[in-house]
Amino acid sequence: MNNTTIKRYYSPQFSALAAVSVRRVAWALGVSMPKAVDHIVRILPKLSGSEKVCISCKDKTKCSLCAFCPQPKPQEEAALMAEAVK
């Protein structure tokens, strides 16, 4: 396998509180922990707003990929909110 085609992401170390909490969110949603973190990151802007994050952003080239982007993606938003309510 060619290593240049593999995407690598930074994996932060969770505190004990975060690890235990994310595991329980994952169980509740019936998904893996990485998918639970993805759900949390995507839902967070809906709960807290994006103004401060966007103003503080140091890489404006990734806005279209960012969960805090002010332009919601309707089908994604509906699916994520439905997952959160389950």
N, C-alpha and C. Protein backbone atom coordinates (compact mmCIF):
# COMPACT_ATOMS: atom_id res chain seq x y z
N MET A 1 0.85 -1.18 0.00
CA MET A 1 0.00 0.00 0.00
C MET A 1 0.89 1.24 0.00
N ASN A 2 0.50 2.22 -0.76
CA ASN A 2 1.25 3.47 -0.87
C ASN A 2 0.89 4.38 0.31
N ASN A 3 1.86 4.72 1.14
CA ASN A 3 1.61 5.55 2.33
C ASN A 3 1.16 6.96 2.01
N THR A 4 1.39 7.44 0.79
CA THR A 4 0.97 8.81 0.45
C THR A 4 -0.53 8.92 0.25
N THR A 5 -1.23 7.79 0.07
CA THR A 5 -2.67 7.83 -0.14
C THR A 5 -3.45 7.65 1.16
N ILE A 6 -2.77 7.38 2.25
CA ILE A 6 -3.44 7.18 3.54
C ILE A 6 -3.62 8.53 4.22
N LYS A 7 -4.88 8.85 4.58
CA LYS A 7 -5.13 10.09 5.33
C LYS A 7 -4.82 9.83 6.80
N ARG A 8 -4.14 10.75 7.41
CA ARG A 8 -3.82 10.64 8.82
C ARG A 8 -4.41 11.85 9.55
N TYR A 9 -5.00 11.57 10.70
CA TYR A 9 -5.60 12.62 11.49
C TYR A 9 -4.97 12.61 12.88
N TYR A 10 -4.93 13.76 13.48
CA TYR A 10 -4.43 13.91 14.84
C TYR A 10 -5.42 13.26 15.80
N SER A 11 -4.95 12.44 16.68
CA SER A 11 -5.80 11.79 17.68
C SER A 11 -5.46 12.34 19.06
N PRO A 12 -6.28 13.24 19.56
CA PRO A 12 -5.99 13.82 20.88
C PRO A 12 -6.19 12.79 21.99
N GLN A 13 -5.50 12.99 23.07
CA GLN A 13 -5.69 12.16 24.25
C GLN A 13 -6.88 12.72 25.02
N PHE A 14 -7.84 11.87 25.34
CA PHE A 14 -9.01 12.30 26.10
C PHE A 14 -8.70 12.27 27.59
N SER A 15 -9.31 13.17 28.32
CA SER A 15 -9.28 13.05 29.78
C SER A 15 -10.15 11.85 30.14
N ALA A 16 -10.04 11.38 31.37
CA ALA A 16 -10.88 10.25 31.81
C ALA A 16 -12.36 10.61 31.70
N LEU A 17 -12.71 11.82 32.09
CA LEU A 17 -14.10 12.27 32.00
C LEU A 17 -14.60 12.23 30.56
N ALA A 18 -13.81 12.75 29.63
CA ALA A 18 -14.23 12.78 28.22
C ALA A 18 -14.34 11.37 27.66
N ALA A 19 -13.37 10.50 27.96
CA ALA A 19 -13.39 9.14 27.43
C ALA A 19 -14.62 8.38 27.92
N VAL A 20 -14.90 8.47 29.21
CA VAL A 20 -16.06 7.79 29.78
C VAL A 20 -17.35 8.35 29.18
N SER A 21 -17.42 9.66 29.06
CA SER A 21 -18.64 10.30 28.52
C SER A 21 -18.86 9.97 27.05
N VAL A 22 -17.80 10.04 26.26
CA VAL A 22 -17.94 9.72 24.83
C VAL A 22 -18.33 8.26 24.64
N ARG A 23 -17.76 7.37 25.44
CA ARG A 23 -18.13 5.96 25.34
C ARG A 23 -19.63 5.78 25.59
N ARG A 24 -20.16 6.47 26.57
CA ARG A 24 -21.59 6.35 26.88
C ARG A 24 -22.46 6.97 25.80
N VAL A 25 -22.03 8.07 25.22
CA VAL A 25 -22.74 8.66 24.08
C VAL A 25 -22.73 7.68 22.91
N ALA A 26 -21.59 7.04 22.67
CA ALA A 26 -21.49 6.05 21.59
C ALA A 26 -22.46 4.90 21.81
N TRP A 27 -22.52 4.39 23.03
CA TRP A 27 -23.46 3.32 23.33
C TRP A 27 -24.89 3.77 23.08
N ALA A 28 -25.21 4.98 23.53
CA ALA A 28 -26.57 5.49 23.37
C ALA A 28 -26.95 5.64 21.90
N LEU A 29 -26.00 6.04 21.07
CA LEU A 29 -26.27 6.23 19.64
C LEU A 29 -26.09 4.94 18.85
N GLY A 30 -25.49 3.93 19.47
CA GLY A 30 -25.24 2.68 18.78
C GLY A 30 -24.16 2.79 17.72
N VAL A 31 -23.15 3.63 18.00
CA VAL A 31 -22.05 3.85 17.05
C VAL A 31 -20.72 3.70 17.77
N SER A 32 -19.64 3.72 17.00
CA SER A 32 -18.30 3.66 17.59
C SER A 32 -17.96 4.99 18.27
N MET A 33 -16.92 4.98 19.09
CA MET A 33 -16.50 6.22 19.74
C MET A 33 -16.07 7.29 18.74
N PRO A 34 -15.29 6.96 17.70
CA PRO A 34 -14.96 8.01 16.73
C PRO A 34 -16.20 8.61 16.06
N LYS A 35 -17.19 7.76 15.76
CA LYS A 35 -18.42 8.30 15.15
C LYS A 35 -19.19 9.15 16.16
N ALA A 36 -19.16 8.77 17.43
CA ALA A 36 -19.82 9.57 18.47
C ALA A 36 -19.17 10.94 18.57
N VAL A 37 -17.83 10.98 18.54
CA VAL A 37 -17.12 12.26 18.57
C VAL A 37 -17.53 13.09 17.35
N ASP A 38 -17.62 12.43 16.19
CA ASP A 38 -18.03 13.14 14.97
C ASP A 38 -19.42 13.75 15.15
N HIS A 39 -20.35 12.99 15.71
CA HIS A 39 -21.70 13.51 15.97
C HIS A 39 -21.65 14.71 16.92
N ILE A 40 -20.89 14.58 17.98
CA ILE A 40 -20.78 15.67 18.97
C ILE A 40 -20.23 16.93 18.32
N VAL A 41 -19.17 16.77 17.52
CA VAL A 41 -18.55 17.92 16.86
C VAL A 41 -19.52 18.57 15.87
N ARG A 42 -20.32 17.78 15.20
CA ARG A 42 -21.25 18.33 14.22
C ARG A 42 -22.47 18.98 14.86
N ILE A 43 -22.86 18.50 16.03
CA ILE A 43 -24.03 19.05 16.71
C ILE A 43 -23.67 20.27 17.56
N LEU A 44 -22.46 20.31 18.08
CA LEU A 44 -22.03 21.40 18.96
C LEU A 44 -22.31 22.80 18.39
N PRO A 45 -22.00 23.08 17.13
CA PRO A 45 -22.28 24.43 16.61
C PRO A 45 -23.76 24.80 16.66
N LYS A 46 -24.64 23.81 16.55
CA LYS A 46 -26.08 24.09 16.61
C LYS A 46 -26.48 24.50 18.01
N LEU A 47 -25.74 24.03 19.00
CA LEU A 47 -26.06 24.33 20.40
C LEU A 47 -25.38 25.59 20.91
N SER A 48 -24.18 25.87 20.42
CA SER A 48 -23.41 26.96 21.00
C SER A 48 -23.18 28.14 20.08
N GLY A 49 -23.47 28.01 18.81
CA GLY A 49 -23.21 29.09 17.87
C GLY A 49 -21.78 29.07 17.37
N SER A 50 -21.56 29.72 16.26
CA SER A 50 -20.25 29.63 15.63
C SER A 50 -19.48 30.94 15.60
N GLU A 51 -20.06 32.02 16.04
CA GLU A 51 -19.45 33.33 15.87
C GLU A 51 -18.01 33.40 16.40
N LYS A 52 -17.82 33.02 17.66
CA LYS A 52 -16.48 33.13 18.26
C LYS A 52 -15.48 32.22 17.57
N VAL A 53 -15.92 31.01 17.22
CA VAL A 53 -15.01 30.07 16.54
C VAL A 53 -14.60 30.63 15.19
N CYS A 54 -15.55 31.11 14.41
CA CYS A 54 -15.24 31.63 13.08
C CYS A 54 -14.35 32.88 13.15
N ILE A 55 -14.61 33.75 14.10
CA ILE A 55 -13.79 34.95 14.25
C ILE A 55 -12.36 34.57 14.62
N SER A 56 -12.20 33.54 15.44
CA SER A 56 -10.88 33.13 15.92
C SER A 56 -10.15 32.20 14.95
N CYS A 57 -10.79 31.76 13.91
CA CYS A 57 -10.22 30.78 12.98
C CYS A 57 -8.92 31.28 12.35
N LYS A 58 -7.94 30.38 12.26
CA LYS A 58 -6.65 30.73 11.67
C LYS A 58 -6.44 30.05 10.32
N ASP A 59 -7.45 29.34 9.81
CA ASP A 59 -7.34 28.66 8.51
C ASP A 59 -8.66 28.77 7.76
N LYS A 60 -8.88 29.88 7.10
CA LYS A 60 -10.13 30.13 6.38
C LYS A 60 -10.27 29.28 5.11
N THR A 61 -9.25 28.49 4.76
CA THR A 61 -9.34 27.66 3.56
C THR A 61 -10.17 26.40 3.78
N LYS A 62 -10.50 26.06 5.00
CA LYS A 62 -11.23 24.83 5.30
C LYS A 62 -12.67 25.08 5.75
N CYS A 63 -13.20 26.27 5.54
CA CYS A 63 -14.54 26.61 6.02
C CYS A 63 -15.61 25.65 5.50
N SER A 64 -15.51 25.23 4.26
CA SER A 64 -16.53 24.35 3.69
C SER A 64 -16.53 22.97 4.35
N LEU A 65 -15.45 22.61 5.04
CA LEU A 65 -15.37 21.32 5.72
C LEU A 65 -15.68 21.42 7.20
N CYS A 66 -15.78 22.62 7.72
CA CYS A 66 -15.91 22.85 9.16
C CYS A 66 -17.36 22.79 9.62
N ALA A 67 -17.59 22.14 10.77
CA ALA A 67 -18.94 22.06 11.34
C ALA A 67 -19.45 23.43 11.78
N PHE A 68 -18.54 24.38 12.01
CA PHE A 68 -18.95 25.71 12.45
C PHE A 68 -19.28 26.64 11.29
N CYS A 69 -19.15 26.15 10.06
CA CYS A 69 -19.45 26.96 8.88
C CYS A 69 -20.91 27.43 8.97
N PRO A 70 -21.15 28.72 8.77
CA PRO A 70 -22.51 29.25 8.93
C PRO A 70 -23.53 28.71 7.93
N GLN A 71 -23.10 28.20 6.79
CA GLN A 71 -24.04 27.66 5.82
C GLN A 71 -24.35 26.20 6.16
N PRO A 72 -25.53 25.94 6.73
CA PRO A 72 -25.87 24.56 7.09
C PRO A 72 -26.11 23.72 5.84
N LYS A 73 -25.83 22.45 5.96
CA LYS A 73 -26.11 21.50 4.91
C LYS A 73 -27.39 20.79 5.33
N PRO A 74 -28.55 21.16 4.76
CA PRO A 74 -29.86 20.73 5.28
C PRO A 74 -30.00 19.23 5.52
N GLN A 75 -29.61 18.41 4.56
CA GLN A 75 -29.78 16.97 4.75
C GLN A 75 -28.89 16.45 5.87
N GLU A 76 -27.69 16.99 6.00
CA GLU A 76 -26.79 16.58 7.06
C GLU A 76 -27.34 17.01 8.43
N GLU A 77 -27.83 18.24 8.49
CA GLU A 77 -28.36 18.76 9.75
C GLU A 77 -29.56 17.93 10.21
N ALA A 78 -30.47 17.60 9.31
CA ALA A 78 -31.64 16.81 9.66
C ALA A 78 -31.24 15.42 10.15
N ALA A 79 -30.29 14.80 9.49
CA ALA A 79 -29.84 13.47 9.88
C ALA A 79 -29.17 13.49 11.25
N LEU A 80 -28.34 14.49 11.49
CA LEU A 80 -27.63 14.57 12.77
C LEU A 80 -28.58 14.86 13.91
N MET A 81 -29.52 15.74 13.71
CA MET A 81 -30.47 16.05 14.78
C MET A 81 -31.35 14.84 15.07
N ALA A 82 -31.71 14.09 14.03
CA ALA A 82 -32.50 12.88 14.23
C ALA A 82 -31.71 11.86 15.06
N GLU A 83 -30.41 11.70 14.78
CA GLU A 83 -29.54 10.81 15.54
C GLU A 83 -29.47 11.24 17.00
N ALA A 84 -29.36 12.56 17.22
CA ALA A 84 -29.21 13.07 18.58
C ALA A 84 -30.46 12.85 19.42
N VAL A 85 -31.62 12.84 18.79
CA VAL A 85 -32.87 12.71 19.50
C VAL A 85 -33.18 11.26 19.86
N LYS A 86 -32.61 10.31 19.12
CA LYS A 86 -32.86 8.88 19.38
C LYS A 86 -32.55 8.49 20.80
